[in-house]
Amino acid sequence: MVYLVGFVSSFAIIEAICIGLTWWYAFQKHAHEEFVNMGYIALAMGFKRFTYAELKRATDGFKQEVGKGGFGTVYKGVLDDERVVAVKRLDGILQGDAEFWAEVSVIGNINHRNLVKLWGFCADNEHKLLVYEYLENGSLDKILFTSDGELGLEQRYNIALGTAKGLSYLHEECLEWVLHCDVKPQNILLDDHLEPKVSDFGMSKLFKDIQGIRDINGMGFSKARGTRGYMAPEWMMNLKIDAKADVYSYGIVLLELLSGKSASILISALAKEYNECNQLAQCVTEKIRKEGLEEVLDPRLLGELDKKKLERLMKVALLCVQDDRSARPAMSKVVELLLEKDE
């Protein structure tokens, strides 16, 4: 009887193992087919599929690093046809795969003059890379926060407007609305004419129902995403996130464009000067009331004559950085405000 029980138990264990292996194989096969299908979709969109060897050669062994994000590092490269590109090498197989397919299927379909264009991709075993257009002037921070940076009011205003247009397109005009979740000067690239292009959607999420504040799986965000100093208060309060989080970050960028100071330096200085102010917008407003707009502005802008344009930029910035997100305008409204003609 004991032998019979042992035999039956052994048989049951073997059967369970076989069933488990069968399910694992089926899952792996299904996952592989899903990735292959996504690759065919990307190809149908007109992208070039590069081999890892091609991109390693193009970047000279990934030598010239030009940027680093939450999901990977960006390198400058030159393709065989002599086009200069930015190659984003995704780090981590699990995160890299998800990020790779998300960017290929979503960003590849996005076409706007103020958004960086995706030209191709690589899916070569564990290697997952994205190939973007390369912008020689680099990111906004490299020009704005340097002492010899030459950005006049008109250029800063155009950067503010172009960035707003790009974000408005992502929020309201795409077939599937997109949140950026990491708007900052490092993710605003400038072309030869200083036309801005929003880059790095590594932290973005798709929203099918922006009113419901849900992602494509019907789940809310579970943890903070973005960069300290640019993150809206709702991130810290563990609230669900909508497009107004990007609006807040954009408002911080406007304050940087106006002051010439990075967010961390600006916020720290205001906090020391106005201890009684609990909100950034309140602190800036109080400083302007007491000392005048000139005391907030980048000294390099003090010679500018268009005071109304400066005041309009500041007005929009302060609207965007309201702690109450319902008081912040949508990005489409921001575009309208910046395009308003002086009376």
Protein backbone atom coordinates (compact mmCIF):
# COMPACT_ATOMS: atom_id res chain seq x y z
CA MET A 1 0.00 0.00 0.00
CA VAL A 2 2.88 2.33 0.88
CA TYR A 3 4.53 1.65 -2.49
CA LEU A 4 1.25 2.36 -4.27
CA VAL A 5 0.86 5.73 -2.52
CA GLY A 6 4.46 6.61 -3.31
CA PHE A 7 3.99 5.68 -6.95
CA VAL A 8 0.81 7.74 -7.28
CA SER A 9 2.46 10.73 -5.56
CA SER A 10 5.51 10.54 -7.83
CA PHE A 11 3.28 10.30 -10.89
CA ALA A 12 1.30 13.36 -9.75
CA ILE A 13 4.49 15.36 -9.22
CA ILE A 14 5.84 14.41 -12.65
CA GLU A 15 2.50 15.32 -14.23
CA ALA A 16 2.50 18.71 -12.50
CA ILE A 17 6.03 19.39 -13.72
CA CYS A 18 5.07 18.46 -17.28
CA ILE A 19 2.01 20.71 -17.17
CA GLY A 20 4.13 23.56 -15.78
CA LEU A 21 6.76 23.17 -18.49
CA THR A 22 4.05 23.07 -21.15
CA TRP A 23 2.53 26.32 -19.87
CA TRP A 24 5.97 27.94 -19.64
CA TYR A 25 6.79 26.96 -23.21
CA ALA A 26 3.42 28.22 -24.44
CA PHE A 27 3.91 31.53 -22.63
CA GLN A 28 7.42 31.99 -23.99
CA LYS A 29 6.23 31.16 -27.50
CA HIS A 30 3.32 33.62 -27.20
CA ALA A 31 5.61 36.36 -25.85
CA HIS A 32 8.07 35.77 -28.68
CA GLU A 33 5.29 35.92 -31.26
CA GLU A 34 4.03 39.17 -29.73
CA PHE A 35 7.47 40.78 -30.03
CA VAL A 36 7.86 39.51 -33.60
CA ASN A 37 4.44 40.90 -34.53
CA MET A 38 5.37 44.25 -32.99
CA GLY A 39 8.52 44.24 -35.08
CA TYR A 40 6.52 43.68 -38.26
CA ILE A 41 4.19 46.53 -37.27
CA ALA A 42 7.19 48.83 -36.78
CA LEU A 43 8.57 47.83 -40.17
CA ALA A 44 5.19 48.53 -41.77
CA MET A 45 5.38 52.05 -40.34
CA GLY A 46 8.42 52.67 -42.52
CA PHE A 47 11.22 52.50 -39.95
CA LYS A 48 14.56 50.96 -40.71
CA ARG A 49 15.46 47.93 -38.66
CA PHE A 50 19.17 48.05 -37.86
CA THR A 51 21.38 45.23 -36.71
CA TYR A 52 23.37 45.63 -33.52
CA ALA A 53 26.57 45.40 -35.54
CA GLU A 54 25.44 48.33 -37.73
CA LEU A 55 24.77 50.57 -34.74
CA LYS A 56 27.94 49.51 -32.94
CA ARG A 57 29.87 50.48 -36.05
CA ALA A 58 27.91 53.73 -36.46
CA THR A 59 28.70 54.80 -32.87
CA ASP A 60 32.31 53.58 -33.03
CA GLY A 61 31.66 51.13 -30.25
CA PHE A 62 29.30 53.46 -28.34
CA LYS A 63 32.08 55.90 -27.51
CA GLN A 64 30.49 59.36 -27.65
CA GLU A 65 27.85 59.62 -24.94
CA VAL A 66 25.54 62.62 -25.39
CA GLY A 67 22.87 61.90 -22.81
CA LYS A 68 21.59 59.52 -20.17
CA GLY A 69 18.01 58.79 -19.12
CA GLY A 70 16.09 56.47 -16.83
CA PHE A 71 15.95 53.68 -19.38
CA GLY A 72 19.22 54.02 -21.24
CA THR A 73 22.15 56.00 -22.58
CA VAL A 74 22.23 58.04 -25.79
CA TYR A 75 25.23 58.03 -28.14
CA LYS A 76 26.08 60.04 -31.23
CA GLY A 77 26.55 57.99 -34.37
CA VAL A 78 26.99 58.24 -38.14
CA LEU A 79 25.17 55.78 -40.40
CA ASP A 80 26.58 54.27 -43.58
CA ASP A 81 24.60 56.85 -45.60
CA GLU A 82 26.40 59.58 -43.56
CA ARG A 83 23.32 60.65 -41.61
CA VAL A 84 24.14 61.70 -38.05
CA VAL A 85 21.91 60.00 -35.48
CA ALA A 86 21.30 59.71 -31.76
CA VAL A 87 21.27 56.05 -30.71
CA LYS A 88 19.49 55.22 -27.46
CA ARG A 89 20.79 52.00 -25.95
CA LEU A 90 18.21 50.60 -23.55
CA ASP A 91 19.46 49.20 -20.24
CA GLY A 92 17.91 46.13 -18.62
CA ILE A 93 16.22 43.42 -20.64
CA LEU A 94 12.84 43.55 -18.91
CA GLN A 95 12.51 47.33 -18.83
CA GLY A 96 14.27 47.68 -22.15
CA ASP A 97 11.87 45.43 -24.04
CA ALA A 98 8.76 47.17 -22.72
CA GLU A 99 10.22 50.60 -23.33
CA PHE A 100 11.46 49.62 -26.76
CA TRP A 101 8.12 48.38 -28.08
CA ALA A 102 6.23 51.27 -26.48
CA GLU A 103 8.46 53.83 -28.16
CA VAL A 104 8.48 52.08 -31.53
CA SER A 105 4.72 51.65 -31.74
CA VAL A 106 3.73 55.01 -30.30
CA ILE A 107 6.49 57.52 -30.99
CA GLY A 108 7.07 56.18 -34.48
CA ASN A 109 3.55 57.26 -35.37
CA ILE A 110 4.01 60.73 -33.93
CA ASN A 111 5.05 63.42 -36.37
CA HIS A 112 5.30 67.01 -35.20
CA ARG A 113 7.91 69.68 -35.81
CA ASN A 114 8.43 70.13 -32.07
CA LEU A 115 8.95 66.45 -31.26
CA VAL A 116 12.12 64.44 -31.90
CA LYS A 117 11.60 61.98 -34.76
CA LEU A 118 12.29 58.27 -34.45
CA TRP A 119 14.07 56.92 -37.55
CA GLY A 120 14.64 53.28 -36.72
CA PHE A 121 15.29 50.58 -34.17
CA CYS A 122 17.30 47.48 -33.36
CA ALA A 123 15.95 44.27 -31.87
CA ASP A 124 18.92 41.91 -31.95
CA ASN A 125 18.54 39.28 -29.21
CA GLU A 126 19.16 41.07 -25.90
CA HIS A 127 20.14 44.30 -27.65
CA LYS A 128 17.30 46.84 -27.88
CA LEU A 129 18.12 50.25 -29.33
CA LEU A 130 16.28 53.24 -30.78
CA VAL A 131 17.62 55.52 -33.52
CA TYR A 132 16.56 59.18 -33.51
CA GLU A 133 17.37 62.26 -35.52
CA TYR A 134 20.40 64.05 -34.08
CA LEU A 135 20.22 67.72 -33.13
CA GLU A 136 23.61 69.43 -33.14
CA ASN A 137 22.79 72.15 -30.60
CA GLY A 138 22.00 69.58 -27.95
CA SER A 139 19.67 70.25 -25.05
CA LEU A 140 18.37 73.57 -23.73
CA ASP A 141 20.20 73.34 -20.39
CA LYS A 142 23.60 73.36 -22.10
CA ILE A 143 22.89 76.81 -23.54
CA LEU A 144 20.61 78.34 -20.92
CA PHE A 145 22.69 77.59 -17.83
CA THR A 146 26.10 78.58 -19.18
CA SER A 147 27.55 82.03 -18.65
CA ASP A 148 28.32 82.46 -22.32
CA GLY A 149 24.92 81.18 -23.47
CA GLU A 150 23.36 83.52 -26.01
CA LEU A 151 19.59 83.26 -25.81
CA GLY A 152 17.67 86.49 -26.24
CA LEU A 153 14.06 87.05 -25.28
CA GLU A 154 12.72 86.24 -28.74
CA GLN A 155 14.61 82.95 -28.83
CA ARG A 156 13.45 81.99 -25.34
CA TYR A 157 9.88 82.90 -26.22
CA ASN A 158 10.00 80.73 -29.34
CA ILE A 159 11.44 77.85 -27.32
CA ALA A 160 8.61 78.22 -24.81
CA LEU A 161 6.00 78.32 -27.57
CA GLY A 162 7.42 75.40 -29.56
CA THR A 163 7.70 73.23 -26.45
CA ALA A 164 4.10 74.05 -25.56
CA LYS A 165 2.97 73.07 -29.05
CA GLY A 166 4.81 69.76 -28.84
CA LEU A 167 3.31 68.89 -25.46
CA SER A 168 -0.14 70.01 -26.56
CA TYR A 169 0.11 67.64 -29.52
CA LEU A 170 1.09 64.77 -27.23
CA HIS A 171 -1.72 65.48 -24.78
CA GLU A 172 -4.59 66.24 -27.11
CA GLU A 173 -3.92 65.50 -30.76
CA CYS A 174 -2.32 62.04 -30.90
CA LEU A 175 -4.51 59.04 -31.69
CA GLU A 176 -3.49 57.79 -28.26
CA TRP A 177 -2.77 60.60 -25.83
CA VAL A 178 0.68 60.60 -24.29
CA LEU A 179 2.04 62.02 -21.06
CA HIS A 180 5.72 62.87 -21.01
CA CYS A 181 6.26 62.74 -17.23
CA ASP A 182 9.78 64.19 -17.37
CA VAL A 183 9.61 67.65 -18.94
CA LYS A 184 12.85 69.53 -18.25
CA PRO A 185 15.50 71.45 -20.23
CA GLN A 186 17.60 68.31 -20.68
CA ASN A 187 14.68 66.82 -22.64
CA ILE A 188 14.19 69.85 -24.88
CA LEU A 189 16.59 69.66 -27.83
CA LEU A 190 17.39 72.54 -30.17
CA ASP A 191 17.95 72.34 -33.93
CA ASP A 192 20.20 74.58 -36.02
CA HIS A 193 17.63 77.40 -35.85
CA LEU A 194 17.04 76.91 -32.10
CA GLU A 195 13.64 75.40 -32.83
CA PRO A 196 12.78 73.18 -29.83
CA LYS A 197 11.98 69.48 -30.09
CA VAL A 198 10.76 67.58 -27.04
CA SER A 199 12.69 64.34 -26.55
CA ASP A 200 12.95 61.27 -24.30
CA PHE A 201 9.65 59.61 -23.78
CA GLY A 202 11.26 56.98 -21.58
CA MET A 203 8.97 57.99 -18.72
CA SER A 204 5.85 58.58 -20.72
CA LYS A 205 2.62 56.65 -20.37
CA LEU A 206 -0.25 56.12 -22.74
CA PHE A 207 -3.71 57.15 -21.63
CA LYS A 208 -6.82 55.87 -23.36
CA ASP A 209 -9.03 57.86 -21.00
CA ILE A 210 -7.32 60.96 -19.68
CA GLN A 211 -10.34 61.85 -17.58
CA GLY A 212 -10.11 58.49 -15.83
CA ILE A 213 -6.39 59.02 -15.24
CA ARG A 214 -5.59 55.45 -16.27
CA ASP A 215 -2.84 53.89 -18.29
CA ILE A 216 -3.34 51.41 -21.14
CA ASN A 217 -3.84 48.56 -18.66
CA GLY A 218 -6.43 50.47 -16.69
CA MET A 219 -3.97 50.95 -13.83
CA GLY A 220 -2.92 54.19 -12.17
CA PHE A 221 0.73 55.13 -11.66
CA SER A 222 2.13 53.42 -8.59
CA LYS A 223 5.30 55.45 -8.01
CA ALA A 224 6.76 58.86 -8.74
CA ARG A 225 8.36 59.36 -12.13
CA GLY A 226 10.36 62.33 -13.31
CA THR A 227 13.08 64.60 -11.97
CA ARG A 228 13.16 66.31 -8.59
CA GLY A 229 12.42 70.01 -8.91
CA TYR A 230 10.13 69.52 -11.92
CA MET A 231 7.62 67.11 -10.41
CA ALA A 232 4.11 68.33 -9.66
CA PRO A 233 2.90 68.13 -6.03
CA GLU A 234 0.47 65.33 -6.89
CA TRP A 235 3.41 62.99 -7.50
CA MET A 236 4.52 63.44 -3.88
CA MET A 237 0.97 63.06 -2.61
CA ASN A 238 0.62 59.69 -4.36
CA LEU A 239 -2.36 60.94 -6.36
CA LYS A 240 -3.24 59.65 -9.80
CA ILE A 241 -1.60 61.59 -12.58
CA ASP A 242 -3.03 63.41 -15.59
CA ALA A 243 -1.71 65.86 -18.19
CA LYS A 244 -1.59 68.69 -15.63
CA ALA A 245 1.56 67.10 -14.17
CA ASP A 246 3.34 67.89 -17.45
CA VAL A 247 1.89 71.42 -17.32
CA TYR A 248 3.50 71.97 -13.92
CA SER A 249 6.90 70.76 -15.17
CA TYR A 250 6.55 73.02 -18.20
CA GLY A 251 5.87 75.96 -15.88
CA ILE A 252 9.13 75.26 -14.06
CA VAL A 253 10.95 75.30 -17.41
CA LEU A 254 9.39 78.72 -18.16
CA LEU A 255 10.67 80.06 -14.83
CA GLU A 256 14.11 78.75 -15.78
CA LEU A 257 13.91 80.45 -19.17
CA LEU A 258 13.01 83.71 -17.45
CA SER A 259 15.49 83.55 -14.57
CA GLY A 260 18.38 81.80 -16.27
CA LYS A 261 18.68 79.63 -13.14
CA SER A 262 18.10 75.91 -12.82
CA ALA A 263 15.01 74.78 -10.91
CA SER A 264 17.00 73.55 -7.89
CA ILE A 265 18.87 76.86 -7.49
CA LEU A 266 15.74 78.97 -8.07
CA ILE A 267 13.54 77.03 -5.64
CA SER A 268 16.26 76.92 -2.96
CA ALA A 269 16.86 80.69 -3.17
CA LEU A 270 13.16 81.51 -2.98
CA ALA A 271 12.62 79.15 -0.05
CA LYS A 272 15.37 80.89 1.95
CA GLU A 273 14.12 84.34 1.07
CA TYR A 274 10.41 83.73 1.67
CA ASN A 275 10.01 81.20 4.46
CA GLU A 276 6.33 82.03 4.82
CA CYS A 277 5.58 81.00 1.23
CA ASN A 278 4.43 77.42 0.87
CA GLN A 279 3.94 77.45 -2.89
CA LEU A 280 6.41 78.26 -5.66
CA ALA A 281 3.92 80.47 -7.51
CA GLN A 282 3.25 82.36 -4.28
CA CYS A 283 6.97 82.90 -3.65
CA VAL A 284 7.64 84.24 -7.15
CA THR A 285 4.56 86.47 -7.04
CA GLU A 286 5.63 87.88 -3.67
CA LYS A 287 9.15 88.63 -4.90
CA ILE A 288 7.79 90.42 -7.98
CA ARG A 289 5.36 92.41 -5.80
CA LYS A 290 8.10 93.49 -3.39
CA GLU A 291 11.07 93.93 -5.69
CA GLY A 292 9.73 94.08 -9.24
CA LEU A 293 9.86 91.72 -12.22
CA GLU A 294 13.46 92.68 -12.98
CA GLU A 295 14.68 91.02 -9.77
CA VAL A 296 13.43 87.66 -10.97
CA LEU A 297 14.74 87.91 -14.52
CA ASP A 298 18.00 86.66 -15.97
CA PRO A 299 20.35 89.71 -16.04
CA ARG A 300 21.00 88.87 -19.69
CA LEU A 301 17.37 89.81 -20.41
CA LEU A 302 17.37 93.18 -18.68
CA GLY A 303 18.26 95.00 -21.89
CA GLU A 304 15.18 93.59 -23.66
CA LEU A 305 12.56 96.18 -24.54
CA ASP A 306 9.48 93.97 -24.93
CA LYS A 307 8.23 94.11 -21.35
CA LYS A 308 4.77 92.84 -22.31
CA LYS A 309 6.25 89.66 -23.71
CA LEU A 310 8.24 89.14 -20.51
CA GLU A 311 5.13 89.72 -18.40
CA ARG A 312 3.12 87.30 -20.54
CA LEU A 313 5.73 84.56 -20.11
CA MET A 314 5.76 85.11 -16.35
CA LYS A 315 1.95 85.10 -16.18
CA VAL A 316 1.80 81.75 -18.01
CA ALA A 317 4.59 80.30 -15.87
CA LEU A 318 2.80 81.17 -12.64
CA LEU A 319 -0.48 79.71 -13.92
CA CYS A 320 1.29 76.46 -14.77
CA VAL A 321 2.99 75.99 -11.39
CA GLN A 322 -0.15 76.31 -9.26
CA ASP A 323 -0.24 73.62 -6.57
CA ASP A 324 -3.92 73.04 -7.35
CA ARG A 325 -3.82 71.23 -10.68
CA SER A 326 -7.38 72.27 -11.53
CA ALA A 327 -6.09 75.86 -11.64
CA ARG A 328 -3.43 75.00 -14.23
CA PRO A 329 -4.32 75.54 -17.91
CA ALA A 330 -4.21 72.75 -20.49
CA MET A 331 -1.21 72.90 -22.83
CA SER A 332 -3.50 73.94 -25.71
CA LYS A 333 -4.60 76.92 -23.60
CA VAL A 334 -0.93 77.73 -22.89
CA VAL A 335 -0.31 77.88 -26.64
CA GLU A 336 -3.28 80.26 -27.01
CA LEU A 337 -1.99 82.51 -24.23
CA LEU A 338 1.49 82.70 -25.73
CA LEU A 339 0.07 83.53 -29.15
CA GLU A 340 -2.09 86.37 -27.86
CA LYS A 341 -1.41 89.72 -29.51
CA ASP A 342 -0.66 92.75 -27.40
CA GLU A 343 -3.49 95.26 -27.36
